[in-house]
């Protein structure tokens, strides 16, 4: 008896190998695309988390700002105020807090409030802490009264019983992306001196 089984022809082997190669190429390409997408999403989530943490700190510290003469200064590039700090590194209690930009970072600086109201000694208690990185542009604006115009500087008027603005706005661009402005309303904390 002669066996009728016969093997695969060379053409059949070539077709099967080509199909298998195409399926593997599509699978590898899909996995690489998935990995790159996952990395991009993770990077964006980290940036968003960084902004959210910075936003939370800035809002809390500004809402706790002390309403007294000479304890709040605002320009278009820096912001300085006094507020109680629960604990930030070694800084705790009433602290001078300053937001400034250096080396494409939004830094927060602390200095203890002294009874003599002398100039703050920045970095004495805690080193400057970067709140946001990859910062391309930052602008502070201030609204002295509700529905008032936004200004790049805040200077309280002599008639005002408040040394704090009604609201503070931060506009920032991080890594080429403009983010929604951070607006902190201080109205409910503007107690009379």
Protein backbone atom coordinates (compact mmCIF):
# COMPACT_ATOMS: atom_id res chain seq x y z
CA UNK A 1 0.00 0.00 0.00
CA UNK A 2 1.30 3.33 -1.03
CA UNK A 3 0.64 6.26 1.29
CA UNK A 4 -1.46 9.02 -0.21
CA UNK A 5 -0.26 11.67 2.26
CA UNK A 6 1.65 14.41 0.69
CA UNK A 7 3.36 17.44 2.25
CA UNK A 8 2.82 21.12 1.64
CA UNK A 9 4.13 22.62 -1.56
CA UNK A 10 6.66 25.42 -1.50
CA UNK A 11 4.00 27.93 -2.60
CA UNK A 12 1.72 26.97 0.30
CA UNK A 13 4.60 27.35 2.77
CA UNK A 14 5.48 30.79 1.33
CA UNK A 15 1.83 31.96 1.54
CA UNK A 16 1.52 30.75 5.15
CA UNK A 17 4.82 32.43 6.13
CA UNK A 18 3.79 35.70 4.49
CA UNK A 19 0.41 35.70 6.26
CA UNK A 20 2.06 34.92 9.60
CA UNK A 21 4.63 37.73 9.06
CA UNK A 22 1.89 40.24 8.23
CA UNK A 23 -0.11 39.30 11.32
CA UNK A 24 3.00 39.61 13.54
CA UNK A 25 3.92 42.99 11.98
CA UNK A 26 0.40 44.32 12.62
CA UNK A 27 0.52 43.05 16.22
CA UNK A 28 3.93 44.63 16.94
CA UNK A 29 2.85 47.92 15.36
CA UNK A 30 -0.35 47.97 17.43
CA UNK A 31 1.58 47.24 20.64
CA UNK A 32 4.14 49.96 19.91
CA UNK A 33 1.38 52.48 19.19
CA UNK A 34 -0.38 51.48 22.40
CA UNK A 35 2.85 51.91 24.42
CA UNK A 36 3.54 55.38 22.95
CA UNK A 37 -0.05 56.46 23.55
CA UNK A 38 0.11 55.17 27.11
CA UNK A 39 3.33 57.16 27.74
CA UNK A 40 1.79 60.35 26.31
CA UNK A 41 -1.36 59.94 28.41
CA UNK A 42 0.75 59.30 31.52
CA UNK A 43 2.85 62.43 30.86
CA UNK A 44 -0.27 64.56 30.40
CA UNK A 45 -1.78 63.10 33.58
CA UNK A 46 1.41 63.95 35.48
CA UNK A 47 1.34 67.55 34.18
CA UNK A 48 -2.33 67.88 35.09
CA UNK A 49 -1.67 66.46 38.54
CA UNK A 50 1.23 68.88 39.01
CA UNK A 51 -0.98 71.82 38.05
CA UNK A 52 -3.80 70.58 40.29
CA UNK A 53 -1.46 70.34 43.30
CA UNK A 54 -0.02 73.79 42.59
CA UNK A 55 -3.53 75.19 42.14
CA UNK A 56 -4.67 73.69 45.44
CA UNK A 57 -1.69 75.13 47.35
CA UNK A 58 -1.99 78.59 45.77
CA UNK A 59 -5.74 78.77 46.43
CA UNK A 60 -5.46 77.69 50.07
CA UNK A 61 -2.50 79.95 50.84
CA UNK A 62 -4.09 82.99 49.14
CA UNK A 63 -7.44 82.46 50.81
CA UNK A 64 -5.67 82.46 54.19
CA UNK A 65 -3.76 85.69 53.38
CA UNK A 66 -3.38 88.12 56.28
CA UNK A 67 -5.14 91.43 55.67
CA UNK A 68 -2.64 93.96 57.02
CA UNK A 69 -0.67 96.85 55.56
CA UNK A 70 2.50 95.86 53.73
CA UNK A 71 1.86 92.13 53.79
CA UNK A 72 0.58 91.74 50.21
CA UNK A 73 2.52 92.80 47.11
CA UNK A 74 1.57 91.90 43.59
CA UNK A 75 3.18 92.59 40.24
CA UNK A 76 2.79 90.92 36.85
CA UNK A 77 5.70 88.53 37.49
CA UNK A 78 5.82 87.97 41.27
CA UNK A 79 3.36 87.64 44.11
CA UNK A 80 4.20 88.00 47.81
CA UNK A 81 1.84 87.67 50.76
CA UNK A 82 1.69 86.46 54.37
CA UNK A 83 -0.42 83.50 55.42
CA UNK A 84 -0.41 80.75 58.03
CA UNK A 85 1.30 77.60 56.76
CA UNK A 86 0.45 74.29 58.35
CA UNK A 87 3.71 72.68 57.31
CA UNK A 88 5.78 72.98 54.16
CA UNK A 89 9.17 71.41 54.74
CA UNK A 90 10.49 73.14 57.85
CA UNK A 91 8.22 76.18 57.37
CA UNK A 92 5.21 76.44 59.68
CA UNK A 93 3.22 79.24 61.31
CA UNK A 94 2.85 82.71 59.79
CA UNK A 95 5.10 82.80 56.73
CA UNK A 96 5.93 85.20 53.96
CA UNK A 97 5.07 83.31 50.76
CA UNK A 98 6.40 84.33 47.39
CA UNK A 99 5.63 82.98 43.92
CA UNK A 100 8.24 83.72 41.27
CA UNK A 101 9.57 82.30 38.01
CA UNK A 102 13.15 81.08 37.71
CA UNK A 103 14.65 78.67 35.16
CA UNK A 104 11.25 77.84 33.61
CA UNK A 105 9.82 76.87 37.01
CA UNK A 106 7.16 78.44 39.21
CA UNK A 107 8.84 78.50 42.61
CA UNK A 108 7.32 79.08 46.01
CA UNK A 109 9.59 80.61 48.66
CA UNK A 110 8.99 80.82 52.39
CA UNK A 111 10.36 83.15 55.07
CA UNK A 112 9.16 83.44 58.68
CA UNK A 113 7.17 86.54 59.63
CA UNK A 114 9.11 88.60 62.14
CA UNK A 115 7.57 91.05 64.59
CA UNK A 116 9.73 93.91 63.28
CA UNK A 117 8.36 93.54 59.72
CA UNK A 118 11.91 93.49 58.35
CA UNK A 119 12.56 92.22 54.84
CA UNK A 120 11.94 88.48 54.47
CA UNK A 121 14.95 86.18 54.57
CA UNK A 122 13.90 83.87 51.72
CA UNK A 123 15.06 80.28 51.92
CA UNK A 124 16.21 80.49 55.54
CA UNK A 125 13.71 77.92 56.84
CA UNK A 126 12.92 75.92 53.70
CA UNK A 127 14.50 75.93 50.23
CA UNK A 128 12.57 77.23 47.23
CA UNK A 129 10.11 74.59 46.08
CA UNK A 130 9.13 74.14 42.41
CA UNK A 131 5.33 74.10 42.05
CA UNK A 132 5.31 73.87 38.25
CA UNK A 133 7.99 72.88 35.75
CA UNK A 134 8.34 73.58 32.00
CA UNK A 135 6.79 77.01 32.52
CA UNK A 136 7.01 79.18 29.42
CA UNK A 137 4.89 82.14 30.50
CA UNK A 138 3.23 83.35 33.70
CA UNK A 139 1.25 86.51 34.35
CA UNK A 140 -0.44 87.63 37.56
CA UNK A 141 -3.42 89.99 37.44
CA UNK A 142 -5.36 91.60 40.27
CA UNK A 143 -8.90 92.83 40.65
CA UNK A 144 -9.18 95.45 43.40
CA UNK A 145 -12.99 95.44 43.59
CA UNK A 146 -15.78 93.17 42.31
CA UNK A 147 -16.47 93.73 38.61
CA UNK A 148 -13.41 95.99 38.47
CA UNK A 149 -10.73 95.97 35.81
CA UNK A 150 -7.89 93.47 36.00
CA UNK A 151 -4.53 95.14 36.59
CA UNK A 152 -0.95 93.87 36.39
CA UNK A 153 -0.15 95.49 39.79
CA UNK A 154 -2.02 95.68 43.05
CA UNK A 155 -1.70 98.70 45.28
CA UNK A 156 -4.37 99.29 47.91
CA UNK A 157 -5.91 102.74 47.97
CA UNK A 158 -5.59 104.93 51.05
CA UNK A 159 -9.37 104.91 51.59
CA UNK A 160 -9.59 101.13 51.47
CA UNK A 161 -9.88 99.10 54.65
CA UNK A 162 -8.45 96.13 52.78
CA UNK A 163 -4.84 95.42 51.96
CA UNK A 164 -5.87 92.47 49.82
CA UNK A 165 -7.28 92.48 46.30
CA UNK A 166 -10.74 91.14 45.57
CA UNK A 167 -9.28 88.45 43.31
CA UNK A 168 -5.96 87.21 41.92
CA UNK A 169 -5.61 85.58 38.49
CA UNK A 170 -2.71 83.45 37.26
CA UNK A 171 -2.39 82.81 33.54
CA UNK A 172 0.21 80.25 32.55
CA UNK A 173 1.64 78.42 29.58
CA UNK A 174 3.28 75.07 30.31
CA UNK A 175 5.25 73.16 27.68
CA UNK A 176 3.57 75.05 24.85
CA UNK A 177 0.03 74.63 26.19
CA UNK A 178 -2.07 77.43 27.57
CA UNK A 179 -3.99 76.33 30.66
CA UNK A 180 -7.22 77.84 31.96
CA UNK A 181 -6.54 80.79 34.26
CA UNK A 182 -6.45 80.15 37.99
CA UNK A 183 -8.68 82.75 39.64
CA UNK A 184 -8.76 83.01 43.42
CA UNK A 185 -11.39 85.26 44.97
CA UNK A 186 -10.30 86.66 48.33
CA UNK A 187 -13.55 88.52 49.04
CA UNK A 188 -14.81 86.33 51.86
CA UNK A 189 -11.42 86.59 53.55
CA UNK A 190 -11.13 90.38 53.28
CA UNK A 191 -12.00 91.11 56.87
CA UNK A 192 -11.56 94.65 58.10
CA UNK A 193 -8.22 95.46 59.62
